[in-house]
Amino acid sequence: MSKVKVAVIGCGTIANNAHIPSYLNCPDAEIKYFCDIIPERAEDAVKKYGCGKAVVDYKEVLADPEIDAVSVCTPNKMHSIITCDALQAG
């Protein structure tokens, strides 16, 4: 069975304290992308966790047909927009 390929959108506190550690502890998950509008946050996550690719535009993540799931770890006002875009992307 192949691993579930995940993208973390938003690399702030909630991502680092909850979402990312949970994925890293799950043998069936693989983080493919760290996405943040602040490039350094995404790049720092790649360095810190030793996996994934840093990107700034979440639509790049949604265009990747290999992505199975996303964690939306952005400010609340962006949750519905990004989630709707993710659902439309499949």
PDB file of N, CA and C in Angstrom:
ATOM      1  N   MET A   1       0.842  -1.172   0.000  1.00  0.00           N
ATOM      2  CA  MET A   1       0.000   0.000   0.000  1.00  0.00           C
ATOM      3  C   MET A   1       0.892   1.242   0.000  1.00  0.00           C
ATOM      4  N   SER A   2       0.570   2.204  -0.858  1.00  0.00           N
ATOM      5  CA  SER A   2       1.373   3.418  -0.906  1.00  0.00           C
ATOM      6  C   SER A   2       0.936   4.386   0.191  1.00  0.00           C
ATOM      7  N   LYS A   3       1.832   5.284   0.520  1.00  0.00           N
ATOM      8  CA  LYS A   3       1.546   6.250   1.575  1.00  0.00           C
ATOM      9  C   LYS A   3       0.592   7.335   1.077  1.00  0.00           C
ATOM     10  N   VAL A   4      -0.168   7.895   1.998  1.00  0.00           N
ATOM     11  CA  VAL A   4      -1.042   9.026   1.705  1.00  0.00           C
ATOM     12  C   VAL A   4      -0.147  10.257   1.582  1.00  0.00           C
ATOM     13  N   LYS A   5      -0.225  10.922   0.441  1.00  0.00           N
ATOM     14  CA  LYS A   5       0.605  12.100   0.206  1.00  0.00           C
ATOM     15  C   LYS A   5      -0.155  13.346   0.656  1.00  0.00           C
ATOM     16  N   VAL A   6       0.490  14.099   1.547  1.00  0.00           N
ATOM     17  CA  VAL A   6      -0.159  15.202   2.239  1.00  0.00           C
ATOM     18  C   VAL A   6       0.549  16.520   1.934  1.00  0.00           C
ATOM     19  N   ALA A   7      -0.218  17.589   1.942  1.00  0.00           N
ATOM     20  CA  ALA A   7       0.327  18.944   1.875  1.00  0.00           C
ATOM     21  C   ALA A   7      -0.145  19.704   3.104  1.00  0.00           C
ATOM     22  N   VAL A   8       0.777  20.400   3.739  1.00  0.00           N
ATOM     23  CA  VAL A   8       0.444  21.247   4.882  1.00  0.00           C
ATOM     24  C   VAL A   8       0.420  22.674   4.361  1.00  0.00           C
ATOM     25  N   ILE A   9      -0.753  23.290   4.417  1.00  0.00           N
ATOM     26  CA  ILE A   9      -0.921  24.659   3.926  1.00  0.00           C
ATOM     27  C   ILE A   9      -1.005  25.575   5.138  1.00  0.00           C
ATOM     28  N   GLY A  10       0.042  26.350   5.326  1.00  0.00           N
ATOM     29  CA  GLY A  10       0.193  27.188   6.503  1.00  0.00           C
ATOM     30  C   GLY A  10       1.166  26.507   7.450  1.00  0.00           C
ATOM     31  N   CYS A  11       2.299  27.136   7.698  1.00  0.00           N
ATOM     32  CA  CYS A  11       3.370  26.499   8.485  1.00  0.00           C
ATOM     33  C   CYS A  11       3.633  27.237   9.795  1.00  0.00           C
ATOM     34  N   GLY A  12       2.585  27.687  10.439  1.00  0.00           N
ATOM     35  CA  GLY A  12       2.715  28.394  11.708  1.00  0.00           C
ATOM     36  C   GLY A  12       2.574  27.466  12.894  1.00  0.00           C
ATOM     37  N   THR A  13       2.090  28.020  13.991  1.00  0.00           N
ATOM     38  CA  THR A  13       2.044  27.325  15.272  1.00  0.00           C
ATOM     39  C   THR A  13       1.234  26.036  15.241  1.00  0.00           C
ATOM     40  N   ILE A  14       0.008  26.074  14.753  1.00  0.00           N
ATOM     41  CA  ILE A  14      -0.840  24.873  14.787  1.00  0.00           C
ATOM     42  C   ILE A  14      -0.262  23.770  13.914  1.00  0.00           C
ATOM     43  N   ALA A  15       0.334  24.147  12.790  1.00  0.00           N
ATOM     44  CA  ALA A  15       0.957  23.147  11.926  1.00  0.00           C
ATOM     45  C   ALA A  15       2.125  22.479  12.627  1.00  0.00           C
ATOM     46  N   ASN A  16       2.988  23.286  13.235  1.00  0.00           N
ATOM     47  CA  ASN A  16       4.191  22.753  13.877  1.00  0.00           C
ATOM     48  C   ASN A  16       3.912  22.020  15.180  1.00  0.00           C
ATOM     49  N   ASN A  17       2.869  22.415  15.888  1.00  0.00           N
ATOM     50  CA  ASN A  17       2.574  21.794  17.180  1.00  0.00           C
ATOM     51  C   ASN A  17       1.630  20.606  17.101  1.00  0.00           C
ATOM     52  N   ALA A  18       0.879  20.485  16.023  1.00  0.00           N
ATOM     53  CA  ALA A  18      -0.118  19.411  15.956  1.00  0.00           C
ATOM     54  C   ALA A  18      -0.094  18.644  14.636  1.00  0.00           C
ATOM     55  N   HIS A  19      -0.361  19.314  13.540  1.00  0.00           N
ATOM     56  CA  HIS A  19      -0.537  18.620  12.260  1.00  0.00           C
ATOM     57  C   HIS A  19       0.724  17.913  11.790  1.00  0.00           C
ATOM     58  N   ILE A  20       1.824  18.644  11.696  1.00  0.00           N
ATOM     59  CA  ILE A  20       3.059  18.052  11.166  1.00  0.00           C
ATOM     60  C   ILE A  20       3.547  16.887  12.035  1.00  0.00           C
ATOM     61  N   PRO A  21       3.644  17.055  13.364  1.00  0.00           N
ATOM     62  CA  PRO A  21       4.079  15.900  14.170  1.00  0.00           C
ATOM     63  C   PRO A  21       3.162  14.688  14.009  1.00  0.00           C
ATOM     64  N   SER A  22       1.879  14.921  13.871  1.00  0.00           N
ATOM     65  CA  SER A  22       0.952  13.799  13.696  1.00  0.00           C
ATOM     66  C   SER A  22       1.215  13.054  12.394  1.00  0.00           C
ATOM     67  N   TYR A  23       1.429  13.792  11.319  1.00  0.00           N
ATOM     68  CA  TYR A  23       1.748  13.137  10.046  1.00  0.00           C
ATOM     69  C   TYR A  23       3.070  12.392  10.125  1.00  0.00           C
ATOM     70  N   LEU A  24       4.063  12.998  10.749  1.00  0.00           N
ATOM     71  CA  LEU A  24       5.375  12.356  10.853  1.00  0.00           C
ATOM     72  C   LEU A  24       5.324  11.085  11.695  1.00  0.00           C
ATOM     73  N   ASN A  25       4.387  11.014  12.623  1.00  0.00           N
ATOM     74  CA  ASN A  25       4.224   9.823  13.459  1.00  0.00           C
ATOM     75  C   ASN A  25       3.356   8.750  12.822  1.00  0.00           C
ATOM     76  N   CYS A  26       2.800   9.061  11.676  1.00  0.00           N
ATOM     77  CA  CYS A  26       1.923   8.109  10.988  1.00  0.00           C
ATOM     78  C   CYS A  26       2.723   7.415   9.872  1.00  0.00           C
ATOM     79  N   PRO A  27       2.944   6.120   9.985  1.00  0.00           N
ATOM     80  CA  PRO A  27       3.742   5.426   8.968  1.00  0.00           C
ATOM     81  C   PRO A  27       3.081   5.375   7.596  1.00  0.00           C
ATOM     82  N   ASP A  28       1.793   5.654   7.526  1.00  0.00           N
ATOM     83  CA  ASP A  28       1.078   5.606   6.252  1.00  0.00           C
ATOM     84  C   ASP A  28       0.973   6.965   5.562  1.00  0.00           C
ATOM     85  N   ALA A  29       1.599   7.990   6.148  1.00  0.00           N
ATOM     86  CA  ALA A  29       1.518   9.345   5.580  1.00  0.00           C
ATOM     87  C   ALA A  29       2.902   9.848   5.189  1.00  0.00           C
ATOM     88  N   GLU A  30       2.905  10.680   4.169  1.00  0.00           N
ATOM     89  CA  GLU A  30       4.140  11.311   3.698  1.00  0.00           C
ATOM     90  C   GLU A  30       3.829  12.781   3.373  1.00  0.00           C
ATOM     91  N   ILE A  31       4.562  13.690   3.978  1.00  0.00           N
ATOM     92  CA  ILE A  31       4.361  15.113   3.679  1.00  0.00           C
ATOM     93  C   ILE A  31       5.124  15.443   2.412  1.00  0.00           C
ATOM     94  N   LYS A  32       4.394  15.854   1.379  1.00  0.00           N
ATOM     95  CA  LYS A  32       5.004  16.181   0.096  1.00  0.00           C
ATOM     96  C   LYS A  32       5.266  17.674  -0.041  1.00  0.00           C
ATOM     97  N   TYR A  33       4.417  18.503   0.583  1.00  0.00           N
ATOM     98  CA  TYR A  33       4.570  19.956   0.481  1.00  0.00           C
ATOM     99  C   TYR A  33       4.382  20.633   1.828  1.00  0.00           C
ATOM    100  N   PHE A  34       5.156  21.693   2.022  1.00  0.00           N
ATOM    101  CA  PHE A  34       4.926  22.676   3.069  1.00  0.00           C
ATOM    102  C   PHE A  34       4.655  23.972   2.330  1.00  0.00           C
ATOM    103  N   CYS A  35       3.512  24.569   2.565  1.00  0.00           N
ATOM    104  CA  CYS A  35       3.114  25.763   1.840  1.00  0.00           C
ATOM    105  C   CYS A  35       2.835  26.898   2.825  1.00  0.00           C
ATOM    106  N   ASP A  36       3.393  28.060   2.543  1.00  0.00           N
ATOM    107  CA  ASP A  36       3.132  29.231   3.374  1.00  0.00           C
ATOM    108  C   ASP A  36       3.383  30.478   2.539  1.00  0.00           C
ATOM    109  N   ILE A  37       2.599  31.540   2.783  1.00  0.00           N
ATOM    110  CA  ILE A  37       2.802  32.783   2.039  1.00  0.00           C
ATOM    111  C   ILE A  37       4.094  33.481   2.455  1.00  0.00           C
ATOM    112  N   ILE A  38       4.640  33.080   3.589  1.00  0.00           N
ATOM    113  CA  ILE A  38       5.958  33.556   4.010  1.00  0.00           C
ATOM    114  C   ILE A  38       6.942  32.458   3.616  1.00  0.00           C
ATOM    115  N   PRO A  39       7.715  32.670   2.551  1.00  0.00           N
ATOM    116  CA  PRO A  39       8.569  31.605   2.020  1.00  0.00           C
ATOM    117  C   PRO A  39       9.496  30.984   3.060  1.00  0.00           C
ATOM    118  N   GLU A  40      10.023  31.786   3.954  1.00  0.00           N
ATOM    119  CA  GLU A  40      10.950  31.274   4.957  1.00  0.00           C
ATOM    120  C   GLU A  40      10.301  30.241   5.880  1.00  0.00           C
ATOM    121  N   ARG A  41       9.022  30.401   6.170  1.00  0.00           N
ATOM    122  CA  ARG A  41       8.333  29.421   7.024  1.00  0.00           C
ATOM    123  C   ARG A  41       8.273  28.058   6.355  1.00  0.00           C
ATOM    124  N   ALA A  42       7.921  28.044   5.086  1.00  0.00           N
ATOM    125  CA  ALA A  42       7.860  26.774   4.356  1.00  0.00           C
ATOM    126  C   ALA A  42       9.250  26.170   4.222  1.00  0.00           C
ATOM    127  N   GLU A  43      10.236  26.989   3.911  1.00  0.00           N
ATOM    128  CA  GLU A  43      11.608  26.506   3.774  1.00  0.00           C
ATOM    129  C   GLU A  43      12.142  25.981   5.100  1.00  0.00           C
ATOM    130  N   ASP A  44      11.831  26.670   6.188  1.00  0.00           N
ATOM    131  CA  ASP A  44      12.260  26.214   7.515  1.00  0.00           C
ATOM    132  C   ASP A  44      11.649  24.857   7.857  1.00  0.00           C
ATOM    133  N   ALA A  45      10.394  24.642   7.462  1.00  0.00           N
ATOM    134  CA  ALA A  45       9.741  23.358   7.738  1.00  0.00           C
ATOM    135  C   ALA A  45      10.440  22.228   6.982  1.00  0.00           C
ATOM    136  N   VAL A  46      10.798  22.474   5.737  1.00  0.00           N
ATOM    137  CA  VAL A  46      11.517  21.459   4.955  1.00  0.00           C
ATOM    138  C   VAL A  46      12.825  21.097   5.655  1.00  0.00           C
ATOM    139  N   LYS A  47      13.552  22.116   6.092  1.00  0.00           N
ATOM    140  CA  LYS A  47      14.832  21.876   6.774  1.00  0.00           C
ATOM    141  C   LYS A  47      14.623  21.170   8.113  1.00  0.00           C
ATOM    142  N   LYS A  48      13.659  21.640   8.890  1.00  0.00           N
ATOM    143  CA  LYS A  48      13.427  21.092  10.226  1.00  0.00           C
ATOM    144  C   LYS A  48      12.986  19.635  10.186  1.00  0.00           C
ATOM    145  N   TYR A  49      12.091  19.305   9.244  1.00  0.00           N
ATOM    146  CA  TYR A  49      11.504  17.967   9.236  1.00  0.00           C
ATOM    147  C   TYR A  49      12.143  17.026   8.217  1.00  0.00           C
ATOM    148  N   GLY A  50      13.008  17.572   7.350  1.00  0.00           N
ATOM    149  CA  GLY A  50      13.742  16.731   6.416  1.00  0.00           C
ATOM    150  C   GLY A  50      12.908  16.042   5.359  1.00  0.00           C
ATOM    151  N   CYS A  51      11.830  16.693   4.963  1.00  0.00           N
ATOM    152  CA  CYS A  51      10.988  16.112   3.920  1.00  0.00           C
ATOM    153  C   CYS A  51      10.234  17.233   3.215  1.00  0.00           C
ATOM    154  N   GLY A  52       9.553  16.883   2.148  1.00  0.00           N
ATOM    155  CA  GLY A  52       8.686  17.814   1.458  1.00  0.00           C
ATOM    156  C   GLY A  52       9.398  18.866   0.636  1.00  0.00           C
ATOM    157  N   LYS A  53       8.575  19.658  -0.019  1.00  0.00           N
ATOM    158  CA  LYS A  53       9.022  20.758  -0.868  1.00  0.00           C
ATOM    159  C   LYS A  53       8.348  22.027  -0.368  1.00  0.00           C
ATOM    160  N   ALA A  54       9.094  23.127  -0.325  1.00  0.00           N
ATOM    161  CA  ALA A  54       8.542  24.413   0.115  1.00  0.00           C
ATOM    162  C   ALA A  54       7.926  25.144  -1.080  1.00  0.00           C
ATOM    163  N   VAL A  55       6.679  25.603  -0.888  1.00  0.00           N
ATOM    164  CA  VAL A  55       6.007  26.411  -1.918  1.00  0.00           C
ATOM    165  C   VAL A  55       5.245  27.555  -1.252  1.00  0.00           C
ATOM    166  N   VAL A  56       4.952  28.589  -2.036  1.00  0.00           N
ATOM    167  CA  VAL A  56       4.220  29.731  -1.497  1.00  0.00           C
ATOM    168  C   VAL A  56       2.772  29.784  -1.969  1.00  0.00           C
ATOM    169  N   ASP A  57       2.473  29.192  -3.080  1.00  0.00           N
ATOM    170  CA  ASP A  57       1.121  29.259  -3.639  1.00  0.00           C
ATOM    171  C   ASP A  57       0.413  27.914  -3.443  1.00  0.00           C
ATOM    172  N   TYR A  58      -0.635  27.912  -2.637  1.00  0.00           N
ATOM    173  CA  TYR A  58      -1.330  26.652  -2.363  1.00  0.00           C
ATOM    174  C   TYR A  58      -1.963  26.058  -3.609  1.00  0.00           C
ATOM    175  N   LYS A  59      -2.208  26.860  -4.625  1.00  0.00           N
ATOM    176  CA  LYS A  59      -2.798  26.328  -5.859  1.00  0.00           C
ATOM    177  C   LYS A  59      -1.821  25.419  -6.599  1.00  0.00           C
ATOM    178  N   GLU A  60      -0.524  25.628  -6.382  1.00  0.00           N
ATOM    179  CA  GLU A  60       0.484  24.705  -6.928  1.00  0.00           C
ATOM    180  C   GLU A  60       0.309  23.324  -6.298  1.00  0.00           C
ATOM    181  N   VAL A  61       0.057  23.300  -5.018  1.00  0.00           N
ATOM    182  CA  VAL A  61      -0.167  22.052  -4.289  1.00  0.00           C
ATOM    183  C   VAL A  61      -1.414  21.355  -4.827  1.00  0.00           C
ATOM    184  N   LEU A  62      -2.480  22.115  -4.989  1.00  0.00           N
ATOM    185  CA  LEU A  62      -3.749  21.532  -5.427  1.00  0.00           C
ATOM    186  C   LEU A  62      -3.695  21.024  -6.859  1.00  0.00           C
ATOM    187  N   ALA A  63      -2.747  21.522  -7.649  1.00  0.00           N
ATOM    188  CA  ALA A  63      -2.603  21.079  -9.034  1.00  0.00           C
ATOM    189  C   ALA A  63      -1.859  19.748  -9.145  1.00  0.00           C
ATOM    190  N   ASP A  64      -1.260  19.297  -8.064  1.00  0.00           N
ATOM    191  CA  ASP A  64      -0.501  18.053  -8.085  1.00  0.00           C
ATOM    192  C   ASP A  64      -1.455  16.871  -7.912  1.00  0.00           C
ATOM    193  N   PRO A  65      -1.595  16.030  -8.925  1.00  0.00           N
ATOM    194  CA  PRO A  65      -2.535  14.912  -8.835  1.00  0.00           C
ATOM    195  C   PRO A  65      -2.146  13.853  -7.811  1.00  0.00           C
ATOM    196  N   GLU A  66      -0.910  13.884  -7.321  1.00  0.00           N
ATOM    197  CA  GLU A  66      -0.482  12.906  -6.314  1.00  0.00           C
ATOM    198  C   GLU A  66      -0.977  13.242  -4.906  1.00  0.00           C
ATOM    199  N   ILE A  67      -1.400  14.477  -4.676  1.00  0.00           N
ATOM    200  CA  ILE A  67      -1.820  14.878  -3.327  1.00  0.00           C
ATOM    201  C   ILE A  67      -3.155  14.219  -2.986  1.00  0.00           C
ATOM    202  N   ASP A  68      -3.170  13.543  -1.844  1.00  0.00           N
ATOM    203  CA  ASP A  68      -4.368  12.863  -1.375  1.00  0.00           C
ATOM    204  C   ASP A  68      -5.128  13.677  -0.336  1.00  0.00           C
ATOM    205  N   ALA A  69      -4.395  14.502   0.432  1.00  0.00           N
ATOM    206  CA  ALA A  69      -5.018  15.235   1.531  1.00  0.00           C
ATOM    207  C   ALA A  69      -4.239  16.517   1.801  1.00  0.00           C
ATOM    208  N   VAL A  70      -4.965  17.501   2.334  1.00  0.00           N
ATOM    209  CA  VAL A  70      -4.322  18.746   2.758  1.00  0.00           C
ATOM    210  C   VAL A  70      -4.741  19.061   4.187  1.00  0.00           C
ATOM    211  N   SER A  71      -3.817  19.669   4.916  1.00  0.00           N
ATOM    212  CA  SER A  71      -4.141  20.245   6.220  1.00  0.00           C
ATOM    213  C   SER A  71      -4.138  21.747   6.028  1.00  0.00           C
ATOM    214  N   VAL A  72      -5.270  22.365   6.287  1.00  0.00           N
ATOM    215  CA  VAL A  72      -5.383  23.814   6.155  1.00  0.00           C
ATOM    216  C   VAL A  72      -5.092  24.418   7.526  1.00  0.00           C
ATOM    217  N   CYS A  73      -3.887  24.938   7.678  1.00  0.00           N
ATOM    218  CA  CYS A  73      -3.400  25.465   8.961  1.00  0.00           C
ATOM    219  C   CYS A  73      -3.154  26.968   8.849  1.00  0.00           C
ATOM    220  N   THR A  74      -4.054  27.629   8.197  1.00  0.00           N
ATOM    221  CA  THR A  74      -3.957  29.065   7.952  1.00  0.00           C
ATOM    222  C   THR A  74      -4.838  29.815   8.949  1.00  0.00           C
ATOM    223  N   PRO A  75      -4.794  31.155   8.931  1.00  0.00           N
ATOM    224  CA  PRO A  75      -5.766  31.903   9.726  1.00  0.00           C
ATOM    225  C   PRO A  75      -7.195  31.501   9.328  1.00  0.00           C
ATOM    226  N   ASN A  76      -8.093  31.525  10.284  1.00  0.00           N
ATOM    227  CA  ASN A  76      -9.471  31.062  10.067  1.00  0.00           C
ATOM    228  C   ASN A  76     -10.155  31.670   8.855  1.00  0.00           C
ATOM    229  N   LYS A  77      -9.906  32.918   8.577  1.00  0.00           N
ATOM    230  CA  LYS A  77     -10.611  33.576   7.466  1.00  0.00           C
ATOM    231  C   LYS A  77     -10.284  32.952   6.108  1.00  0.00           C
ATOM    232  N   MET A  78      -9.201  32.185   6.023  1.00  0.00           N
ATOM    233  CA  MET A  78      -8.823  31.547   4.765  1.00  0.00           C
ATOM    234  C   MET A  78      -9.270  30.091   4.661  1.00  0.00           C
ATOM    235  N   HIS A  79      -9.741  29.516   5.753  1.00  0.00           N
ATOM    236  CA  HIS A  79     -10.104  28.096   5.756  1.00  0.00           C
ATOM    237  C   HIS A  79     -11.106  27.734   4.670  1.00  0.00           C
ATOM    238  N   SER A  80     -12.197  28.452   4.595  1.00  0.00           N
ATOM    239  CA  SER A  80     -13.250  28.069   3.643  1.00  0.00           C
ATOM    240  C   SER A  80     -12.802  28.250   2.203  1.00  0.00           C
ATOM    241  N   ILE A  81     -12.053  29.288   1.919  1.00  0.00           N
ATOM    242  CA  ILE A  81     -11.583  29.531   0.550  1.00  0.00           C
ATOM    243  C   ILE A  81     -10.665  28.404   0.100  1.00  0.00           C
ATOM    244  N   ILE A  82      -9.668  28.093   0.922  1.00  0.00           N
ATOM    245  CA  ILE A  82      -8.705  27.048   0.551  1.00  0.00           C
ATOM    246  C   ILE A  82      -9.375  25.682   0.515  1.00  0.00           C
ATOM    247  N   THR A  83     -10.258  25.416   1.460  1.00  0.00           N
ATOM    248  CA  THR A  83     -10.952  24.130   1.474  1.00  0.00           C
ATOM    249  C   THR A  83     -11.827  23.955   0.241  1.00  0.00           C
ATOM    250  N   CYS A  84     -12.561  24.975  -0.137  1.00  0.00           N
ATOM    251  CA  CYS A  84     -13.395  24.891  -1.352  1.00  0.00           C
ATOM    252  C   CYS A  84     -12.532  24.679  -2.588  1.00  0.00           C
ATOM    253  N   ASP A  85     -11.411  25.386  -2.681  1.00  0.00           N
ATOM    254  CA  ASP A  85     -10.487  25.188  -3.804  1.00  0.00           C
ATOM    255  C   ASP A  85      -9.949  23.762  -3.813  1.00  0.00           C
ATOM    256  N   ALA A  86      -9.625  23.223  -2.637  1.00  0.00           N
ATOM    257  CA  ALA A  86      -9.117  21.850  -2.560  1.00  0.00           C
ATOM    258  C   ALA A  86     -10.178  20.843  -2.991  1.00  0.00           C
ATOM    259  N   LEU A  87     -11.394  21.050  -2.563  1.00  0.00           N
ATOM    260  CA  LEU A  87     -12.475  20.152  -2.955  1.00  0.00           C
ATOM    261  C   LEU A  87     -12.716  20.187  -4.469  1.00  0.00           C
ATOM    262  N   GLN A  88     -12.671  21.384  -5.033  1.00  0.00           N
ATOM    263  CA  GLN A  88     -12.857  21.500  -6.480  1.00  0.00           C
ATOM    264  C   GLN A  88     -11.701  20.866  -7.255  1.00  0.00           C
ATOM    265  N   ALA A  89     -10.516  20.874  -6.659  1.00  0.00           N
ATOM    266  CA  ALA A  89      -9.351  20.265  -7.308  1.00  0.00           C
ATOM    267  C   ALA A  89      -9.385  18.742  -7.223  1.00  0.00           C
ATOM    268  N   GLY A  90     -10.216  18.236  -6.337  1.00  0.00           N
ATOM    269  CA  GLY A  90     -10.349  16.778  -6.211  1.00  0.00           C
ATOM    270  C   GLY A  90      -9.500  16.221  -5.105  1.00  0.00           C
TER     271      GLY A  90
END
